[in-house]
Amino acid sequence: EAARRGAAATVGAVARRGRASYLGERAQGYPDPGAVAVVRWLE
């Protein structure tokens, strides 16, 4: 549940690291794929 909440929080945030950081606000509205991957194997 903690991992899910953390991944969900990336949807509205502006990434500061990783490839999404190059897109700035254009990447908002999508969860970070790396965080989602962590959720999937933890589940």
ModelCIF file with pLDDT and N, C-alpha, C, O atoms, coordinates in Angstrom:
data_MODEL
#
_entry.id   MODEL 
#
_entity.id                         1 
_entity.type                       polymer 
_entity.pdbx_number_of_molecules   1 
#
_entity_poly.entity_id                      1 
_entity_poly.type                           'polypeptide(L)' 
_entity_poly.nstd_linkage                   no 
_entity_poly.nstd_monomer                   no 
_entity_poly.pdbx_seq_one_letter_code       EAARRGAAATVGAVARRGRASYLGERAQGYPDPGAVAVVRWLE 
_entity_poly.pdbx_seq_one_letter_code_can   EAARRGAAATVGAVARRGRASYLGERAQGYPDPGAVAVVRWLE 
_entity_poly.pdbx_strand_id                 A 
#
loop_
_entity_poly_seq.entity_id 
_entity_poly_seq.num 
_entity_poly_seq.mon_id 
_entity_poly_seq.hetero 
1 1  GLU n 
1 2  ALA n 
1 3  ALA n 
1 4  ARG n 
1 5  ARG n 
1 6  GLY n 
1 7  ALA n 
1 8  ALA n 
1 9  ALA n 
1 10 THR n 
1 11 VAL n 
1 12 GLY n 
1 13 ALA n 
1 14 VAL n 
1 15 ALA n 
1 16 ARG n 
1 17 ARG n 
1 18 GLY n 
1 19 ARG n 
1 20 ALA n 
1 21 SER n 
1 22 TYR n 
1 23 LEU n 
1 24 GLY n 
1 25 GLU n 
1 26 ARG n 
1 27 ALA n 
1 28 GLN n 
1 29 GLY n 
1 30 TYR n 
1 31 PRO n 
1 32 ASP n 
1 33 PRO n 
1 34 GLY n 
1 35 ALA n 
1 36 VAL n 
1 37 ALA n 
1 38 VAL n 
1 39 VAL n 
1 40 ARG n 
1 41 TRP n 
1 42 LEU n 
1 43 GLU n 
#
_struct_asym.id          A 
_struct_asym.entity_id   1 
#
loop_
_ma_qa_metric.id 
_ma_qa_metric.mode 
_ma_qa_metric.name 
_ma_qa_metric.software_group_id 
_ma_qa_metric.type 
1 global pLDDT . pLDDT 
2 local  pLDDT . pLDDT 
#
_ma_qa_metric_global.metric_id      1 
_ma_qa_metric_global.metric_value   75.37 
_ma_qa_metric_global.model_id       1 
_ma_qa_metric_global.ordinal_id     1 
#
loop_
_ma_qa_metric_local.label_asym_id 
_ma_qa_metric_local.label_comp_id 
_ma_qa_metric_local.label_seq_id 
_ma_qa_metric_local.metric_id 
_ma_qa_metric_local.metric_value 
_ma_qa_metric_local.model_id 
_ma_qa_metric_local.ordinal_id 
A GLU 1  2 96.00 1 1  
A ALA 2  2 95.00 1 2  
A ALA 3  2 95.00 1 3  
A ARG 4  2 95.00 1 4  
A ARG 5  2 94.00 1 5  
A GLY 6  2 93.00 1 6  
A ALA 7  2 92.00 1 7  
A ALA 8  2 91.00 1 8  
A ALA 9  2 90.00 1 9  
A THR 10 2 87.00 1 10 
A VAL 11 2 85.00 1 11 
A GLY 12 2 68.00 1 12 
A ALA 13 2 61.00 1 13 
A VAL 14 2 53.00 1 14 
A ALA 15 2 51.00 1 15 
A ARG 16 2 55.00 1 16 
A ARG 17 2 51.00 1 17 
A GLY 18 2 53.00 1 18 
A ARG 19 2 51.00 1 19 
A ALA 20 2 48.00 1 20 
A SER 21 2 47.00 1 21 
A TYR 22 2 42.00 1 22 
A LEU 23 2 44.00 1 23 
A GLY 24 2 49.00 1 24 
A GLU 25 2 50.00 1 25 
A ARG 26 2 47.00 1 26 
A ALA 27 2 48.00 1 27 
A GLN 28 2 57.00 1 28 
A GLY 29 2 64.00 1 29 
A TYR 30 2 81.00 1 30 
A PRO 31 2 88.00 1 31 
A ASP 32 2 89.00 1 32 
A PRO 33 2 90.00 1 33 
A GLY 34 2 91.00 1 34 
A ALA 35 2 93.00 1 35 
A VAL 36 2 94.00 1 36 
A ALA 37 2 94.00 1 37 
A VAL 38 2 95.00 1 38 
A VAL 39 2 95.00 1 39 
A ARG 40 2 95.00 1 40 
A TRP 41 2 95.00 1 41 
A LEU 42 2 95.00 1 42 
A GLU 43 2 94.00 1 43 
#
loop_
_atom_site.group_PDB 
_atom_site.id 
_atom_site.type_symbol 
_atom_site.label_atom_id 
_atom_site.label_alt_id 
_atom_site.label_comp_id 
_atom_site.label_asym_id 
_atom_site.label_entity_id 
_atom_site.label_seq_id 
_atom_site.pdbx_PDB_ins_code 
_atom_site.Cartn_x 
_atom_site.Cartn_y 
_atom_site.Cartn_z 
_atom_site.occupancy 
_atom_site.B_iso_or_equiv 
_atom_site.pdbx_formal_charge 
_atom_site.auth_seq_id 
_atom_site.auth_comp_id 
_atom_site.auth_asym_id 
_atom_site.auth_atom_id 
_atom_site.pdbx_PDB_model_num 
ATOM 1   N N  . GLU A 1 1  ? 0.825  -1.206 0.000   1.00 96.00 ? 1  GLU A N  1 
ATOM 2   C CA . GLU A 1 1  ? 0.000  0.000  0.000   1.00 96.00 ? 1  GLU A CA 1 
ATOM 3   C C  . GLU A 1 1  ? 0.858  1.254  0.000   1.00 96.00 ? 1  GLU A C  1 
ATOM 4   O O  . GLU A 1 1  ? 0.513  2.225  -0.673  1.00 96.00 ? 1  GLU A O  1 
ATOM 5   N N  . ALA A 1 2  ? 1.970  1.263  0.737   1.00 95.00 ? 2  ALA A N  1 
ATOM 6   C CA . ALA A 1 2  ? 2.867  2.422  0.751   1.00 95.00 ? 2  ALA A CA 1 
ATOM 7   C C  . ALA A 1 2  ? 3.484  2.643  -0.625  1.00 95.00 ? 2  ALA A C  1 
ATOM 8   O O  . ALA A 1 2  ? 3.612  3.781  -1.078  1.00 95.00 ? 2  ALA A O  1 
ATOM 9   N N  . ALA A 1 3  ? 3.862  1.558  -1.287  1.00 95.00 ? 3  ALA A N  1 
ATOM 10  C CA . ALA A 1 3  ? 4.433  1.678  -2.628  1.00 95.00 ? 3  ALA A CA 1 
ATOM 11  C C  . ALA A 1 3  ? 3.407  2.221  -3.604  1.00 95.00 ? 3  ALA A C  1 
ATOM 12  O O  . ALA A 1 3  ? 3.729  3.058  -4.447  1.00 95.00 ? 3  ALA A O  1 
ATOM 13  N N  . ARG A 1 4  ? 2.167  1.747  -3.494  1.00 95.00 ? 4  ARG A N  1 
ATOM 14  C CA . ARG A 1 4  ? 1.111  2.243  -4.387  1.00 95.00 ? 4  ARG A CA 1 
ATOM 15  C C  . ARG A 1 4  ? 0.877  3.733  -4.199  1.00 95.00 ? 4  ARG A C  1 
ATOM 16  O O  . ARG A 1 4  ? 0.756  4.477  -5.172  1.00 95.00 ? 4  ARG A O  1 
ATOM 17  N N  . ARG A 1 5  ? 0.814  4.170  -2.937  1.00 94.00 ? 5  ARG A N  1 
ATOM 18  C CA . ARG A 1 5  ? 0.602  5.599  -2.679  1.00 94.00 ? 5  ARG A CA 1 
ATOM 19  C C  . ARG A 1 5  ? 1.758  6.419  -3.236  1.00 94.00 ? 5  ARG A C  1 
ATOM 20  O O  . ARG A 1 5  ? 1.546  7.488  -3.809  1.00 94.00 ? 5  ARG A O  1 
ATOM 21  N N  . GLY A 1 6  ? 2.975  5.923  -3.070  1.00 93.00 ? 6  GLY A N  1 
ATOM 22  C CA . GLY A 1 6  ? 4.136  6.651  -3.580  1.00 93.00 ? 6  GLY A CA 1 
ATOM 23  C C  . GLY A 1 6  ? 4.106  6.778  -5.091  1.00 93.00 ? 6  GLY A C  1 
ATOM 24  O O  . GLY A 1 6  ? 4.403  7.842  -5.636  1.00 93.00 ? 6  GLY A O  1 
ATOM 25  N N  . ALA A 1 7  ? 3.747  5.692  -5.774  1.00 92.00 ? 7  ALA A N  1 
ATOM 26  C CA . ALA A 1 7  ? 3.677  5.731  -7.235  1.00 92.00 ? 7  ALA A CA 1 
ATOM 27  C C  . ALA A 1 7  ? 2.567  6.671  -7.689  1.00 92.00 ? 7  ALA A C  1 
ATOM 28  O O  . ALA A 1 7  ? 2.747  7.432  -8.640  1.00 92.00 ? 7  ALA A O  1 
ATOM 29  N N  . ALA A 1 8  ? 1.417  6.622  -7.011  1.00 91.00 ? 8  ALA A N  1 
ATOM 30  C CA . ALA A 1 8  ? 0.294  7.485  -7.384  1.00 91.00 ? 8  ALA A CA 1 
ATOM 31  C C  . ALA A 1 8  ? 0.644  8.959  -7.219  1.00 91.00 ? 8  ALA A C  1 
ATOM 32  O O  . ALA A 1 8  ? 0.154  9.805  -7.966  1.00 91.00 ? 8  ALA A O  1 
ATOM 33  N N  . ALA A 1 9  ? 1.487  9.263  -6.246  1.00 90.00 ? 9  ALA A N  1 
ATOM 34  C CA . ALA A 1 9  ? 1.855  10.660 -6.007  1.00 90.00 ? 9  ALA A CA 1 
ATOM 35  C C  . ALA A 1 9  ? 2.672  11.242 -7.148  1.00 90.00 ? 9  ALA A C  1 
ATOM 36  O O  . ALA A 1 9  ? 2.754  12.462 -7.287  1.00 90.00 ? 9  ALA A O  1 
ATOM 37  N N  . THR A 1 10 ? 3.285  10.382 -7.975  1.00 87.00 ? 10 THR A N  1 
ATOM 38  C CA . THR A 1 10 ? 4.084  10.904 -9.093  1.00 87.00 ? 10 THR A CA 1 
ATOM 39  C C  . THR A 1 10 ? 3.220  11.422 -10.234 1.00 87.00 ? 10 THR A C  1 
ATOM 40  O O  . THR A 1 10 ? 3.725  12.098 -11.129 1.00 87.00 ? 10 THR A O  1 
ATOM 41  N N  . VAL A 1 11 ? 1.911  11.113 -10.217 1.00 85.00 ? 11 VAL A N  1 
ATOM 42  C CA . VAL A 1 11 ? 1.040  11.522 -11.318 1.00 85.00 ? 11 VAL A CA 1 
ATOM 43  C C  . VAL A 1 11 ? 0.967  13.042 -11.417 1.00 85.00 ? 11 VAL A C  1 
ATOM 44  O O  . VAL A 1 11 ? 1.049  13.599 -12.512 1.00 85.00 ? 11 VAL A O  1 
ATOM 45  N N  . GLY A 1 12 ? 0.817  13.692 -10.314 1.00 68.00 ? 12 GLY A N  1 
ATOM 46  C CA . GLY A 1 12 ? 0.658  15.140 -10.351 1.00 68.00 ? 12 GLY A CA 1 
ATOM 47  C C  . GLY A 1 12 ? 1.925  15.926 -10.140 1.00 68.00 ? 12 GLY A C  1 
ATOM 48  O O  . GLY A 1 12 ? 1.914  17.154 -10.220 1.00 68.00 ? 12 GLY A O  1 
ATOM 49  N N  . ALA A 1 13 ? 3.028  15.232 -9.869  1.00 61.00 ? 13 ALA A N  1 
ATOM 50  C CA . ALA A 1 13 ? 4.278  15.924 -9.590  1.00 61.00 ? 13 ALA A CA 1 
ATOM 51  C C  . ALA A 1 13 ? 5.064  16.177 -10.872 1.00 61.00 ? 13 ALA A C  1 
ATOM 52  O O  . ALA A 1 13 ? 4.827  15.539 -11.898 1.00 61.00 ? 13 ALA A O  1 
ATOM 53  N N  . VAL A 1 14 ? 5.998  17.112 -10.798 1.00 53.00 ? 14 VAL A N  1 
ATOM 54  C CA . VAL A 1 14 ? 6.931  17.370 -11.903 1.00 53.00 ? 14 VAL A CA 1 
ATOM 55  C C  . VAL A 1 14 ? 8.225  16.653 -11.574 1.00 53.00 ? 14 VAL A C  1 
ATOM 56  O O  . VAL A 1 14 ? 8.863  16.941 -10.561 1.00 53.00 ? 14 VAL A O  1 
ATOM 57  N N  . ALA A 1 15 ? 8.616  15.711 -12.435 1.00 51.00 ? 15 ALA A N  1 
ATOM 58  C CA . ALA A 1 15 ? 9.802  14.901 -12.177 1.00 51.00 ? 15 ALA A CA 1 
ATOM 59  C C  . ALA A 1 15 ? 11.056 15.767 -12.182 1.00 51.00 ? 15 ALA A C  1 
ATOM 60  O O  . ALA A 1 15 ? 11.196 16.672 -13.005 1.00 51.00 ? 15 ALA A O  1 
ATOM 61  N N  . ARG A 1 16 ? 11.973 15.477 -11.246 1.00 55.00 ? 16 ARG A N  1 
ATOM 62  C CA . ARG A 1 16 ? 13.245 16.188 -11.180 1.00 55.00 ? 16 ARG A CA 1 
ATOM 63  C C  . ARG A 1 16 ? 14.431 15.307 -11.555 1.00 55.00 ? 16 ARG A C  1 
ATOM 64  O O  . ARG A 1 16 ? 15.556 15.793 -11.673 1.00 55.00 ? 16 ARG A O  1 
ATOM 65  N N  . ARG A 1 17 ? 14.185 14.020 -11.741 1.00 51.00 ? 17 ARG A N  1 
ATOM 66  C CA . ARG A 1 17 ? 15.222 13.091 -12.160 1.00 51.00 ? 17 ARG A CA 1 
ATOM 67  C C  . ARG A 1 17 ? 14.625 12.143 -13.195 1.00 51.00 ? 17 ARG A C  1 
ATOM 68  O O  . ARG A 1 17 ? 13.404 12.051 -13.328 1.00 51.00 ? 17 ARG A O  1 
ATOM 69  N N  . GLY A 1 18 ? 15.480 11.445 -13.922 1.00 53.00 ? 18 GLY A N  1 
ATOM 70  C CA . GLY A 1 18 ? 15.016 10.491 -14.916 1.00 53.00 ? 18 GLY A CA 1 
ATOM 71  C C  . GLY A 1 18 ? 14.590 11.168 -16.211 1.00 53.00 ? 18 GLY A C  1 
ATOM 72  O O  . GLY A 1 18 ? 14.623 12.393 -16.329 1.00 53.00 ? 18 GLY A O  1 
ATOM 73  N N  . ARG A 1 19 ? 14.184 10.336 -17.195 1.00 51.00 ? 19 ARG A N  1 
ATOM 74  C CA . ARG A 1 19 ? 13.826 10.860 -18.505 1.00 51.00 ? 19 ARG A CA 1 
ATOM 75  C C  . ARG A 1 19 ? 12.649 11.823 -18.441 1.00 51.00 ? 19 ARG A C  1 
ATOM 76  O O  . ARG A 1 19 ? 12.588 12.786 -19.206 1.00 51.00 ? 19 ARG A O  1 
ATOM 77  N N  . ALA A 1 20 ? 11.715 11.567 -17.531 1.00 48.00 ? 20 ALA A N  1 
ATOM 78  C CA . ALA A 1 20 ? 10.535 12.434 -17.446 1.00 48.00 ? 20 ALA A CA 1 
ATOM 79  C C  . ALA A 1 20 ? 10.903 13.859 -17.064 1.00 48.00 ? 20 ALA A C  1 
ATOM 80  O O  . ALA A 1 20 ? 10.147 14.789 -17.347 1.00 48.00 ? 20 ALA A O  1 
ATOM 81  N N  . SER A 1 21 ? 12.074 14.047 -16.414 1.00 47.00 ? 21 SER A N  1 
ATOM 82  C CA . SER A 1 21 ? 12.465 15.396 -16.002 1.00 47.00 ? 21 SER A CA 1 
ATOM 83  C C  . SER A 1 21 ? 12.730 16.295 -17.205 1.00 47.00 ? 21 SER A C  1 
ATOM 84  O O  . SER A 1 21 ? 12.633 17.517 -17.095 1.00 47.00 ? 21 SER A O  1 
ATOM 85  N N  . TYR A 1 22 ? 13.065 15.698 -18.362 1.00 42.00 ? 22 TYR A N  1 
ATOM 86  C CA . TYR A 1 22 ? 13.290 16.505 -19.552 1.00 42.00 ? 22 TYR A CA 1 
ATOM 87  C C  . TYR A 1 22 ? 11.993 17.090 -20.097 1.00 42.00 ? 22 TYR A C  1 
ATOM 88  O O  . TYR A 1 22 ? 12.011 18.093 -20.810 1.00 42.00 ? 22 TYR A O  1 
ATOM 89  N N  . LEU A 1 23 ? 10.871 16.466 -19.763 1.00 44.00 ? 23 LEU A N  1 
ATOM 90  C CA . LEU A 1 23 ? 9.578  16.927 -20.274 1.00 44.00 ? 23 LEU A CA 1 
ATOM 91  C C  . LEU A 1 23 ? 8.915  17.961 -19.378 1.00 44.00 ? 23 LEU A C  1 
ATOM 92  O O  . LEU A 1 23 ? 7.989  18.654 -19.799 1.00 44.00 ? 23 LEU A O  1 
ATOM 93  N N  . GLY A 1 24 ? 9.397  18.065 -18.125 1.00 49.00 ? 24 GLY A N  1 
ATOM 94  C CA . GLY A 1 24 ? 8.815  19.039 -17.217 1.00 49.00 ? 24 GLY A CA 1 
ATOM 95  C C  . GLY A 1 24 ? 7.333  18.791 -16.995 1.00 49.00 ? 24 GLY A C  1 
ATOM 96  O O  . GLY A 1 24 ? 6.916  17.663 -16.735 1.00 49.00 ? 24 GLY A O  1 
ATOM 97  N N  . GLU A 1 25 ? 6.535  19.855 -17.099 1.00 50.00 ? 25 GLU A N  1 
ATOM 98  C CA . GLU A 1 25 ? 5.106  19.740 -16.833 1.00 50.00 ? 25 GLU A CA 1 
ATOM 99  C C  . GLU A 1 25 ? 4.381  18.889 -17.866 1.00 50.00 ? 25 GLU A C  1 
ATOM 100 O O  . GLU A 1 25 ? 3.262  18.444 -17.611 1.00 50.00 ? 25 GLU A O  1 
ATOM 101 N N  . ARG A 1 26 ? 4.987  18.654 -19.019 1.00 47.00 ? 26 ARG A N  1 
ATOM 102 C CA . ARG A 1 26 ? 4.332  17.828 -20.043 1.00 47.00 ? 26 ARG A CA 1 
ATOM 103 C C  . ARG A 1 26 ? 4.186  16.380 -19.588 1.00 47.00 ? 26 ARG A C  1 
ATOM 104 O O  . ARG A 1 26 ? 3.355  15.643 -20.118 1.00 47.00 ? 26 ARG A O  1 
ATOM 105 N N  . ALA A 1 27 ? 4.994  15.969 -18.604 1.00 48.00 ? 27 ALA A N  1 
ATOM 106 C CA . ALA A 1 27 ? 4.914  14.592 -18.117 1.00 48.00 ? 27 ALA A CA 1 
ATOM 107 C C  . ALA A 1 27 ? 3.884  14.435 -17.001 1.00 48.00 ? 27 ALA A C  1 
ATOM 108 O O  . ALA A 1 27 ? 3.622  13.317 -16.557 1.00 48.00 ? 27 ALA A O  1 
ATOM 109 N N  . GLN A 1 28 ? 3.297  15.541 -16.541 1.00 57.00 ? 28 GLN A N  1 
ATOM 110 C CA . GLN A 1 28 ? 2.292  15.447 -15.492 1.00 57.00 ? 28 GLN A CA 1 
ATOM 111 C C  . GLN A 1 28 ? 1.054  14.710 -16.007 1.00 57.00 ? 28 GLN A C  1 
ATOM 112 O O  . GLN A 1 28 ? 0.713  14.780 -17.187 1.00 57.00 ? 28 GLN A O  1 
ATOM 113 N N  . GLY A 1 29 ? 0.399  14.009 -15.100 1.00 64.00 ? 29 GLY A N  1 
ATOM 114 C CA . GLY A 1 29 ? -0.787 13.255 -15.470 1.00 64.00 ? 29 GLY A CA 1 
ATOM 115 C C  . GLY A 1 29 ? -0.516 11.784 -15.681 1.00 64.00 ? 29 GLY A C  1 
ATOM 116 O O  . GLY A 1 29 ? -1.445 11.007 -15.903 1.00 64.00 ? 29 GLY A O  1 
ATOM 117 N N  . TYR A 1 30 ? 0.748  11.389 -15.616 1.00 81.00 ? 30 TYR A N  1 
ATOM 118 C CA . TYR A 1 30 ? 1.130  9.989  -15.788 1.00 81.00 ? 30 TYR A CA 1 
ATOM 119 C C  . TYR A 1 30 ? 1.992  9.557  -14.602 1.00 81.00 ? 30 TYR A C  1 
ATOM 120 O O  . TYR A 1 30 ? 2.835  10.328 -14.145 1.00 81.00 ? 30 TYR A O  1 
ATOM 121 N N  . PRO A 1 31 ? 1.795  8.346  -14.102 1.00 88.00 ? 31 PRO A N  1 
ATOM 122 C CA . PRO A 1 31 ? 2.660  7.868  -13.024 1.00 88.00 ? 31 PRO A CA 1 
ATOM 123 C C  . PRO A 1 31 ? 4.053  7.558  -13.565 1.00 88.00 ? 31 PRO A C  1 
ATOM 124 O O  . PRO A 1 31 ? 4.216  7.240  -14.742 1.00 88.00 ? 31 PRO A O  1 
ATOM 125 N N  . ASP A 1 32 ? 5.046  7.654  -12.696 1.00 89.00 ? 32 ASP A N  1 
ATOM 126 C CA . ASP A 1 32 ? 6.394  7.305  -13.114 1.00 89.00 ? 32 ASP A CA 1 
ATOM 127 C C  . ASP A 1 32 ? 6.461  5.803  -13.411 1.00 89.00 ? 32 ASP A C  1 
ATOM 128 O O  . ASP A 1 32 ? 6.091  5.003  -12.552 1.00 89.00 ? 32 ASP A O  1 
ATOM 129 N N  . PRO A 1 33 ? 6.919  5.399  -14.593 1.00 90.00 ? 33 PRO A N  1 
ATOM 130 C CA . PRO A 1 33 ? 6.948  3.974  -14.934 1.00 90.00 ? 33 PRO A CA 1 
ATOM 131 C C  . PRO A 1 33 ? 7.838  3.154  -14.004 1.00 90.00 ? 33 PRO A C  1 
ATOM 132 O O  . PRO A 1 33 ? 7.516  2.012  -13.677 1.00 90.00 ? 33 PRO A O  1 
ATOM 133 N N  . GLY A 1 34 ? 8.960  3.741  -13.577 1.00 91.00 ? 34 GLY A N  1 
ATOM 134 C CA . GLY A 1 34 ? 9.845  3.018  -12.662 1.00 91.00 ? 34 GLY A CA 1 
ATOM 135 C C  . GLY A 1 34 ? 9.172  2.733  -11.337 1.00 91.00 ? 34 GLY A C  1 
ATOM 136 O O  . GLY A 1 34 ? 9.353  1.657  -10.766 1.00 91.00 ? 34 GLY A O  1 
ATOM 137 N N  . ALA A 1 35 ? 8.397  3.683  -10.842 1.00 93.00 ? 35 ALA A N  1 
ATOM 138 C CA . ALA A 1 35 ? 7.681  3.478  -9.590  1.00 93.00 ? 35 ALA A CA 1 
ATOM 139 C C  . ALA A 1 35 ? 6.600  2.415  -9.753  1.00 93.00 ? 35 ALA A C  1 
ATOM 140 O O  . ALA A 1 35 ? 6.391  1.598  -8.857  1.00 93.00 ? 35 ALA A O  1 
ATOM 141 N N  . VAL A 1 36 ? 5.916  2.425  -10.890 1.00 94.00 ? 36 VAL A N  1 
ATOM 142 C CA . VAL A 1 36 ? 4.889  1.413  -11.158 1.00 94.00 ? 36 VAL A CA 1 
ATOM 143 C C  . VAL A 1 36 ? 5.521  0.021  -11.218 1.00 94.00 ? 36 VAL A C  1 
ATOM 144 O O  . VAL A 1 36 ? 4.943  -0.947 -10.724 1.00 94.00 ? 36 VAL A O  1 
ATOM 145 N N  . ALA A 1 37 ? 6.708  -0.078 -11.824 1.00 94.00 ? 37 ALA A N  1 
ATOM 146 C CA . ALA A 1 37 ? 7.398  -1.375 -11.889 1.00 94.00 ? 37 ALA A CA 1 
ATOM 147 C C  . ALA A 1 37 ? 7.674  -1.912 -10.491 1.00 94.00 ? 37 ALA A C  1 
ATOM 148 O O  . ALA A 1 37 ? 7.511  -3.106 -10.240 1.00 94.00 ? 37 ALA A O  1 
ATOM 149 N N  . VAL A 1 38 ? 8.089  -1.041 -9.585  1.00 95.00 ? 38 VAL A N  1 
ATOM 150 C CA . VAL A 1 38 ? 8.342  -1.463 -8.195  1.00 95.00 ? 38 VAL A CA 1 
ATOM 151 C C  . VAL A 1 38 ? 7.055  -2.001 -7.571  1.00 95.00 ? 38 VAL A C  1 
ATOM 152 O O  . VAL A 1 38 ? 7.066  -3.036 -6.905  1.00 95.00 ? 38 VAL A O  1 
ATOM 153 N N  . VAL A 1 39 ? 5.951  -1.294 -7.790  1.00 95.00 ? 39 VAL A N  1 
ATOM 154 C CA . VAL A 1 39 ? 4.661  -1.736 -7.244  1.00 95.00 ? 39 VAL A CA 1 
ATOM 155 C C  . VAL A 1 39 ? 4.317  -3.126 -7.764  1.00 95.00 ? 39 VAL A C  1 
ATOM 156 O O  . VAL A 1 39 ? 3.873  -3.979 -6.996  1.00 95.00 ? 39 VAL A O  1 
ATOM 157 N N  . ARG A 1 40 ? 4.514  -3.362 -9.047  1.00 95.00 ? 40 ARG A N  1 
ATOM 158 C CA . ARG A 1 40 ? 4.113  -4.641 -9.630  1.00 95.00 ? 40 ARG A CA 1 
ATOM 159 C C  . ARG A 1 40 ? 4.893  -5.818 -9.051  1.00 95.00 ? 40 ARG A C  1 
ATOM 160 O O  . ARG A 1 40 ? 4.302  -6.848 -8.728  1.00 95.00 ? 40 ARG A O  1 
ATOM 161 N N  . TRP A 1 41 ? 6.227  -5.678 -8.913  1.00 95.00 ? 41 TRP A N  1 
ATOM 162 C CA . TRP A 1 41 ? 6.930  -6.838 -8.370  1.00 95.00 ? 41 TRP A CA 1 
ATOM 163 C C  . TRP A 1 41 ? 6.758  -6.968 -6.857  1.00 95.00 ? 41 TRP A C  1 
ATOM 164 O O  . TRP A 1 41 ? 6.829  -8.070 -6.313  1.00 95.00 ? 41 TRP A O  1 
ATOM 165 N N  . LEU A 1 42 ? 6.533  -5.837 -6.180  1.00 95.00 ? 42 LEU A N  1 
ATOM 166 C CA . LEU A 1 42 ? 6.232  -5.936 -4.746  1.00 95.00 ? 42 LEU A CA 1 
ATOM 167 C C  . LEU A 1 42 ? 4.883  -6.618 -4.519  1.00 95.00 ? 42 LEU A C  1 
ATOM 168 O O  . LEU A 1 42 ? 4.751  -7.440 -3.612  1.00 95.00 ? 42 LEU A O  1 
ATOM 169 N N  . GLU A 1 43 ? 3.889  -6.286 -5.330  1.00 94.00 ? 43 GLU A N  1 
ATOM 170 C CA . GLU A 1 43 ? 2.587  -6.941 -5.227  1.00 94.00 ? 43 GLU A CA 1 
ATOM 171 C C  . GLU A 1 43 ? 2.720  -8.454 -5.401  1.00 94.00 ? 43 GLU A C  1 
ATOM 172 O O  . GLU A 1 43 ? 1.722  -9.172 -5.344  1.00 94.00 ? 43 GLU A O  1 
#
